[in-house]
Amino acid sequence: MSIQLNHTIVHARDSLASATFLSDILGLAAPVRFGPFHGVELDNGVTLDFLSHDGDIAVEHYAFLVSEEDFAAIFGRIRQRGLPYWADPGHQHPGKINHNDGGRGLYWNNPDGHYLEIITRPYGSGA
């Protein structure tokens, strides 16, 4: 058996709202309730399990490798919602995308402040 990531827990102020935000933006199936979690399943079988949390939330980073076509669709949904986005994780280049490794990428935040990223080429894979 190979080692694969199966799921991770994402703390949120409102697990359903945060899970729905992600599934809507990425164009994935609606979240599925499992115990206290609202799970968003990615196309590679990994699930992000959102869990409501009342205390401070440590901001995490979640990067998604997407096709050029999916990038265009996701970017369209980000712009349609008027969400701020950046070309870099430090938020130094607002309203821009990056072209790292010959692909495209951008960052935006979810309602809890987590850094979300879409890229069309894995880092280190291109020019």
N, C-alpha and C. Protein backbone atom coordinates (compact mmCIF):
# COMPACT_ATOMS: atom_id res chain seq x y z
N MET A 1 0.84 -1.19 0.00
CA MET A 1 0.00 0.00 0.00
C MET A 1 0.88 1.24 0.00
N SER A 2 0.56 2.19 -0.84
CA SER A 2 1.28 3.45 -0.84
C SER A 2 0.68 4.37 0.22
N ILE A 3 1.45 5.35 0.62
CA ILE A 3 0.98 6.30 1.64
C ILE A 3 0.33 7.47 0.93
N GLN A 4 -0.90 7.76 1.31
CA GLN A 4 -1.66 8.84 0.71
C GLN A 4 -2.37 9.63 1.79
N LEU A 5 -2.49 10.94 1.57
CA LEU A 5 -3.30 11.76 2.46
C LEU A 5 -4.75 11.42 2.22
N ASN A 6 -5.49 11.13 3.29
CA ASN A 6 -6.90 10.77 3.17
C ASN A 6 -7.81 11.95 3.52
N HIS A 7 -7.50 12.65 4.61
CA HIS A 7 -8.31 13.80 5.01
C HIS A 7 -7.51 14.67 5.97
N THR A 8 -7.98 15.88 6.14
CA THR A 8 -7.43 16.77 7.15
C THR A 8 -8.58 17.59 7.71
N ILE A 9 -8.42 18.03 8.95
CA ILE A 9 -9.46 18.82 9.61
C ILE A 9 -9.14 20.30 9.41
N VAL A 10 -10.15 21.05 9.02
CA VAL A 10 -10.04 22.50 8.83
C VAL A 10 -10.95 23.16 9.86
N HIS A 11 -10.37 23.88 10.79
CA HIS A 11 -11.18 24.58 11.79
C HIS A 11 -11.84 25.80 11.17
N ALA A 12 -13.09 26.02 11.57
CA ALA A 12 -13.88 27.11 11.00
C ALA A 12 -14.84 27.64 12.07
N ARG A 13 -15.22 28.89 11.92
CA ARG A 13 -16.24 29.43 12.83
C ARG A 13 -17.60 28.81 12.55
N ASP A 14 -17.87 28.54 11.27
CA ASP A 14 -19.11 27.89 10.83
C ASP A 14 -18.72 26.85 9.79
N SER A 15 -18.69 25.59 10.20
CA SER A 15 -18.17 24.53 9.33
C SER A 15 -18.96 24.41 8.03
N LEU A 16 -20.26 24.50 8.09
CA LEU A 16 -21.06 24.37 6.87
C LEU A 16 -20.81 25.55 5.93
N ALA A 17 -20.79 26.76 6.45
CA ALA A 17 -20.55 27.94 5.61
C ALA A 17 -19.18 27.87 4.95
N SER A 18 -18.15 27.51 5.70
CA SER A 18 -16.80 27.44 5.15
C SER A 18 -16.66 26.31 4.13
N ALA A 19 -17.25 25.17 4.42
CA ALA A 19 -17.19 24.04 3.48
C ALA A 19 -17.95 24.38 2.20
N THR A 20 -19.08 25.02 2.34
CA THR A 20 -19.88 25.41 1.17
C THR A 20 -19.14 26.46 0.34
N PHE A 21 -18.49 27.41 1.00
CA PHE A 21 -17.69 28.42 0.31
C PHE A 21 -16.66 27.74 -0.58
N LEU A 22 -15.92 26.77 -0.02
CA LEU A 22 -14.88 26.10 -0.79
C LEU A 22 -15.46 25.28 -1.92
N SER A 23 -16.48 24.49 -1.64
CA SER A 23 -17.05 23.64 -2.70
C SER A 23 -17.64 24.48 -3.82
N ASP A 24 -18.27 25.60 -3.48
CA ASP A 24 -18.83 26.48 -4.51
C ASP A 24 -17.73 27.10 -5.38
N ILE A 25 -16.69 27.64 -4.75
CA ILE A 25 -15.62 28.29 -5.50
C ILE A 25 -14.89 27.29 -6.40
N LEU A 26 -14.61 26.09 -5.86
CA LEU A 26 -13.88 25.10 -6.64
C LEU A 26 -14.77 24.34 -7.63
N GLY A 27 -16.08 24.50 -7.51
CA GLY A 27 -16.99 23.79 -8.41
C GLY A 27 -17.11 22.31 -8.08
N LEU A 28 -17.04 21.99 -6.79
CA LEU A 28 -17.13 20.60 -6.33
C LEU A 28 -18.53 20.30 -5.78
N ALA A 29 -18.76 19.04 -5.50
CA ALA A 29 -20.04 18.63 -4.91
C ALA A 29 -20.23 19.31 -3.56
N ALA A 30 -21.47 19.47 -3.17
CA ALA A 30 -21.81 20.08 -1.88
C ALA A 30 -21.18 19.29 -0.74
N PRO A 31 -20.87 19.96 0.36
CA PRO A 31 -20.30 19.27 1.52
C PRO A 31 -21.22 18.15 2.02
N VAL A 32 -20.59 17.13 2.58
CA VAL A 32 -21.32 15.99 3.15
C VAL A 32 -21.09 15.98 4.65
N ARG A 33 -22.17 15.85 5.39
CA ARG A 33 -22.09 15.83 6.86
C ARG A 33 -21.64 14.45 7.32
N PHE A 34 -20.67 14.42 8.22
CA PHE A 34 -20.20 13.17 8.84
C PHE A 34 -19.86 13.50 10.28
N GLY A 35 -20.73 13.10 11.21
CA GLY A 35 -20.53 13.47 12.61
C GLY A 35 -20.51 14.98 12.74
N PRO A 36 -19.49 15.53 13.41
CA PRO A 36 -19.42 16.99 13.58
C PRO A 36 -18.81 17.72 12.38
N PHE A 37 -18.46 16.99 11.34
CA PHE A 37 -17.75 17.56 10.20
C PHE A 37 -18.65 17.81 9.01
N HIS A 38 -18.23 18.77 8.17
CA HIS A 38 -18.79 18.97 6.84
C HIS A 38 -17.62 18.76 5.88
N GLY A 39 -17.66 17.65 5.15
CA GLY A 39 -16.54 17.26 4.31
C GLY A 39 -16.68 17.70 2.87
N VAL A 40 -15.58 18.19 2.32
CA VAL A 40 -15.49 18.53 0.90
C VAL A 40 -14.49 17.56 0.30
N GLU A 41 -14.97 16.70 -0.61
CA GLU A 41 -14.09 15.72 -1.22
C GLU A 41 -13.50 16.27 -2.51
N LEU A 42 -12.17 16.17 -2.61
CA LEU A 42 -11.46 16.59 -3.81
C LEU A 42 -11.44 15.44 -4.81
N ASP A 43 -11.08 15.74 -6.03
CA ASP A 43 -11.11 14.73 -7.09
C ASP A 43 -10.12 13.59 -6.89
N ASN A 44 -9.10 13.79 -6.05
CA ASN A 44 -8.15 12.71 -5.78
C ASN A 44 -8.50 11.91 -4.53
N GLY A 45 -9.72 12.10 -4.01
CA GLY A 45 -10.19 11.32 -2.87
C GLY A 45 -9.86 11.90 -1.51
N VAL A 46 -9.07 12.96 -1.45
CA VAL A 46 -8.75 13.61 -0.19
C VAL A 46 -9.96 14.44 0.24
N THR A 47 -10.27 14.41 1.52
CA THR A 47 -11.39 15.17 2.05
C THR A 47 -10.90 16.23 3.01
N LEU A 48 -11.40 17.45 2.85
CA LEU A 48 -11.19 18.51 3.83
C LEU A 48 -12.41 18.50 4.74
N ASP A 49 -12.20 18.13 5.99
CA ASP A 49 -13.29 18.00 6.96
C ASP A 49 -13.35 19.25 7.82
N PHE A 50 -14.34 20.09 7.56
CA PHE A 50 -14.50 21.34 8.28
C PHE A 50 -15.19 21.07 9.62
N LEU A 51 -14.62 21.64 10.67
CA LEU A 51 -15.11 21.45 12.03
C LEU A 51 -15.31 22.82 12.67
N SER A 52 -16.53 23.07 13.16
CA SER A 52 -16.79 24.35 13.83
C SER A 52 -15.96 24.44 15.10
N HIS A 53 -15.42 25.64 15.33
CA HIS A 53 -14.51 25.87 16.45
C HIS A 53 -14.78 27.27 16.99
N ASP A 54 -14.99 27.38 18.29
CA ASP A 54 -15.32 28.67 18.90
C ASP A 54 -14.11 29.53 19.25
N GLY A 55 -12.96 28.92 19.43
CA GLY A 55 -11.78 29.67 19.85
C GLY A 55 -11.04 30.29 18.69
N ASP A 56 -9.82 30.69 18.97
CA ASP A 56 -8.97 31.24 17.92
C ASP A 56 -8.71 30.17 16.87
N ILE A 57 -8.63 30.59 15.63
CA ILE A 57 -8.38 29.67 14.52
C ILE A 57 -7.00 29.98 13.95
N ALA A 58 -6.13 28.99 13.97
CA ALA A 58 -4.82 29.14 13.35
C ALA A 58 -5.00 29.11 11.84
N VAL A 59 -4.49 30.12 11.18
CA VAL A 59 -4.63 30.21 9.73
C VAL A 59 -3.72 29.17 9.07
N GLU A 60 -4.30 28.40 8.18
CA GLU A 60 -3.58 27.37 7.44
C GLU A 60 -3.56 27.72 5.96
N HIS A 61 -2.79 26.97 5.21
CA HIS A 61 -2.68 27.17 3.76
C HIS A 61 -3.08 25.88 3.06
N TYR A 62 -3.95 26.00 2.06
CA TYR A 62 -4.40 24.85 1.27
C TYR A 62 -4.23 25.19 -0.20
N ALA A 63 -3.40 24.41 -0.90
CA ALA A 63 -3.12 24.65 -2.31
C ALA A 63 -3.74 23.54 -3.14
N PHE A 64 -4.36 23.92 -4.25
CA PHE A 64 -5.06 22.98 -5.12
C PHE A 64 -4.46 23.04 -6.51
N LEU A 65 -4.02 21.89 -7.01
CA LEU A 65 -3.51 21.78 -8.37
C LEU A 65 -4.71 21.57 -9.29
N VAL A 66 -4.88 22.45 -10.26
CA VAL A 66 -6.05 22.42 -11.14
C VAL A 66 -5.61 22.51 -12.60
N SER A 67 -6.48 22.11 -13.49
CA SER A 67 -6.22 22.24 -14.91
C SER A 67 -6.37 23.71 -15.32
N GLU A 68 -5.90 24.04 -16.52
CA GLU A 68 -6.07 25.40 -17.04
C GLU A 68 -7.56 25.75 -17.14
N GLU A 69 -8.37 24.79 -17.57
CA GLU A 69 -9.81 25.04 -17.69
C GLU A 69 -10.45 25.28 -16.32
N ASP A 70 -10.06 24.47 -15.34
CA ASP A 70 -10.59 24.67 -13.99
C ASP A 70 -10.11 25.98 -13.40
N PHE A 71 -8.86 26.34 -13.68
CA PHE A 71 -8.34 27.63 -13.19
C PHE A 71 -9.24 28.76 -13.70
N ALA A 72 -9.53 28.74 -14.99
CA ALA A 72 -10.35 29.80 -15.58
C ALA A 72 -11.73 29.86 -14.92
N ALA A 73 -12.34 28.70 -14.68
CA ALA A 73 -13.67 28.66 -14.06
C ALA A 73 -13.62 29.15 -12.61
N ILE A 74 -12.62 28.69 -11.85
CA ILE A 74 -12.50 29.09 -10.45
C ILE A 74 -12.19 30.58 -10.36
N PHE A 75 -11.27 31.05 -11.19
CA PHE A 75 -10.93 32.48 -11.22
C PHE A 75 -12.17 33.30 -11.55
N GLY A 76 -12.98 32.83 -12.45
CA GLY A 76 -14.23 33.51 -12.79
C GLY A 76 -15.16 33.62 -11.59
N ARG A 77 -15.27 32.54 -10.81
CA ARG A 77 -16.14 32.57 -9.63
C ARG A 77 -15.58 33.51 -8.56
N ILE A 78 -14.26 33.56 -8.42
CA ILE A 78 -13.63 34.48 -7.46
C ILE A 78 -13.94 35.92 -7.86
N ARG A 79 -13.77 36.24 -9.14
CA ARG A 79 -14.05 37.61 -9.61
C ARG A 79 -15.54 37.93 -9.53
N GLN A 80 -16.40 36.95 -9.87
CA GLN A 80 -17.85 37.17 -9.81
C GLN A 80 -18.29 37.54 -8.40
N ARG A 81 -17.68 36.95 -7.40
CA ARG A 81 -18.02 37.25 -6.01
C ARG A 81 -17.32 38.51 -5.49
N GLY A 82 -16.44 39.08 -6.30
CA GLY A 82 -15.72 40.27 -5.87
C GLY A 82 -14.72 39.99 -4.76
N LEU A 83 -14.19 38.77 -4.70
CA LEU A 83 -13.25 38.41 -3.65
C LEU A 83 -11.86 38.97 -3.98
N PRO A 84 -11.17 39.50 -2.99
CA PRO A 84 -9.80 39.92 -3.22
C PRO A 84 -8.92 38.71 -3.50
N TYR A 85 -7.93 38.88 -4.38
CA TYR A 85 -7.00 37.80 -4.66
C TYR A 85 -5.63 38.42 -4.91
N TRP A 86 -4.61 37.57 -4.80
CA TRP A 86 -3.23 38.02 -4.90
C TRP A 86 -2.42 37.03 -5.71
N ALA A 87 -1.30 37.51 -6.25
CA ALA A 87 -0.39 36.65 -6.99
C ALA A 87 0.59 35.94 -6.06
N ASP A 88 0.59 36.31 -4.79
CA ASP A 88 1.60 35.81 -3.86
C ASP A 88 1.01 35.56 -2.48
N PRO A 89 1.65 34.68 -1.69
CA PRO A 89 1.11 34.37 -0.36
C PRO A 89 1.21 35.52 0.63
N GLY A 90 2.11 36.47 0.38
CA GLY A 90 2.26 37.61 1.29
C GLY A 90 1.31 38.75 1.00
N HIS A 91 0.42 38.56 0.03
CA HIS A 91 -0.57 39.58 -0.34
C HIS A 91 0.08 40.90 -0.75
N GLN A 92 1.23 40.82 -1.44
CA GLN A 92 1.93 42.01 -1.89
C GLN A 92 1.53 42.43 -3.30
N HIS A 93 0.87 41.53 -4.04
CA HIS A 93 0.50 41.81 -5.43
C HIS A 93 -1.00 41.58 -5.62
N PRO A 94 -1.82 42.51 -5.12
CA PRO A 94 -3.28 42.34 -5.19
C PRO A 94 -3.79 42.46 -6.63
N GLY A 95 -4.85 41.70 -6.90
CA GLY A 95 -5.52 41.76 -8.19
C GLY A 95 -4.71 41.20 -9.33
N LYS A 96 -3.70 40.40 -9.02
CA LYS A 96 -2.85 39.82 -10.06
C LYS A 96 -2.75 38.31 -9.86
N ILE A 97 -2.39 37.61 -10.93
CA ILE A 97 -2.09 36.18 -10.84
C ILE A 97 -0.60 36.02 -11.10
N ASN A 98 -0.05 34.86 -10.71
CA ASN A 98 1.36 34.60 -11.00
C ASN A 98 1.47 33.61 -12.16
N HIS A 99 2.66 33.51 -12.69
CA HIS A 99 2.93 32.58 -13.80
C HIS A 99 4.12 31.69 -13.46
N ASN A 100 4.17 31.27 -12.20
CA ASN A 100 5.27 30.42 -11.74
C ASN A 100 5.30 29.11 -12.50
N ASP A 101 6.51 28.66 -12.83
CA ASP A 101 6.74 27.39 -13.52
C ASP A 101 6.00 27.30 -14.85
N GLY A 102 5.70 28.46 -15.46
CA GLY A 102 5.03 28.45 -16.75
C GLY A 102 3.53 28.21 -16.67
N GLY A 103 2.98 28.22 -15.48
CA GLY A 103 1.53 28.03 -15.30
C GLY A 103 0.89 29.30 -14.78
N ARG A 104 -0.23 29.14 -14.13
CA ARG A 104 -0.92 30.27 -13.50
C ARG A 104 -1.26 29.90 -12.06
N GLY A 105 -1.29 30.91 -11.21
CA GLY A 105 -1.63 30.68 -9.81
C GLY A 105 -2.15 31.94 -9.17
N LEU A 106 -2.93 31.76 -8.10
CA LEU A 106 -3.40 32.89 -7.31
C LEU A 106 -3.80 32.42 -5.93
N TYR A 107 -3.88 33.38 -5.03
CA TYR A 107 -4.25 33.15 -3.63
C TYR A 107 -5.48 33.97 -3.29
N TRP A 108 -6.32 33.43 -2.40
CA TRP A 108 -7.43 34.18 -1.82
C TRP A 108 -7.67 33.58 -0.45
N ASN A 109 -8.51 34.24 0.34
CA ASN A 109 -8.78 33.76 1.70
C ASN A 109 -10.21 33.27 1.82
N ASN A 110 -10.38 32.26 2.67
CA ASN A 110 -11.74 31.82 2.97
C ASN A 110 -12.29 32.69 4.10
N PRO A 111 -13.56 32.52 4.48
CA PRO A 111 -14.15 33.39 5.51
C PRO A 111 -13.42 33.36 6.86
N ASP A 112 -12.66 32.30 7.14
CA ASP A 112 -11.93 32.19 8.40
C ASP A 112 -10.49 32.65 8.29
N GLY A 113 -10.10 33.13 7.12
CA GLY A 113 -8.76 33.65 6.93
C GLY A 113 -7.76 32.65 6.38
N HIS A 114 -8.16 31.38 6.22
CA HIS A 114 -7.23 30.40 5.65
C HIS A 114 -6.81 30.84 4.26
N TYR A 115 -5.53 30.63 3.94
CA TYR A 115 -4.99 30.96 2.62
C TYR A 115 -5.31 29.82 1.67
N LEU A 116 -6.02 30.13 0.61
CA LEU A 116 -6.35 29.16 -0.43
C LEU A 116 -5.56 29.53 -1.67
N GLU A 117 -5.12 28.52 -2.40
CA GLU A 117 -4.30 28.76 -3.58
C GLU A 117 -4.69 27.78 -4.67
N ILE A 118 -4.73 28.27 -5.91
CA ILE A 118 -4.87 27.38 -7.06
C ILE A 118 -3.65 27.59 -7.95
N ILE A 119 -3.12 26.47 -8.46
CA ILE A 119 -1.98 26.50 -9.37
C ILE A 119 -2.24 25.51 -10.50
N THR A 120 -1.70 25.82 -11.66
CA THR A 120 -1.88 24.92 -12.79
C THR A 120 -0.63 24.07 -13.05
N ARG A 121 0.47 24.40 -12.39
CA ARG A 121 1.71 23.62 -12.50
C ARG A 121 2.28 23.46 -11.10
N PRO A 122 2.71 22.26 -10.72
CA PRO A 122 3.36 22.09 -9.43
C PRO A 122 4.63 22.92 -9.35
N TYR A 123 4.95 23.43 -8.18
CA TYR A 123 6.17 24.22 -8.00
C TYR A 123 7.39 23.37 -8.35
N GLY A 124 8.29 23.98 -9.09
CA GLY A 124 9.51 23.30 -9.50
C GLY A 124 9.37 22.46 -10.75
N SER A 125 8.21 22.51 -11.40
CA SER A 125 7.96 21.63 -12.55
C SER A 125 8.23 22.27 -13.90
N GLY A 126 8.46 23.57 -13.92
CA GLY A 126 8.57 24.23 -15.23
C GLY A 126 9.68 25.24 -15.30
N ALA A 127 9.53 26.10 -16.26
CA ALA A 127 10.57 27.12 -16.53
C ALA A 127 10.65 28.15 -15.44
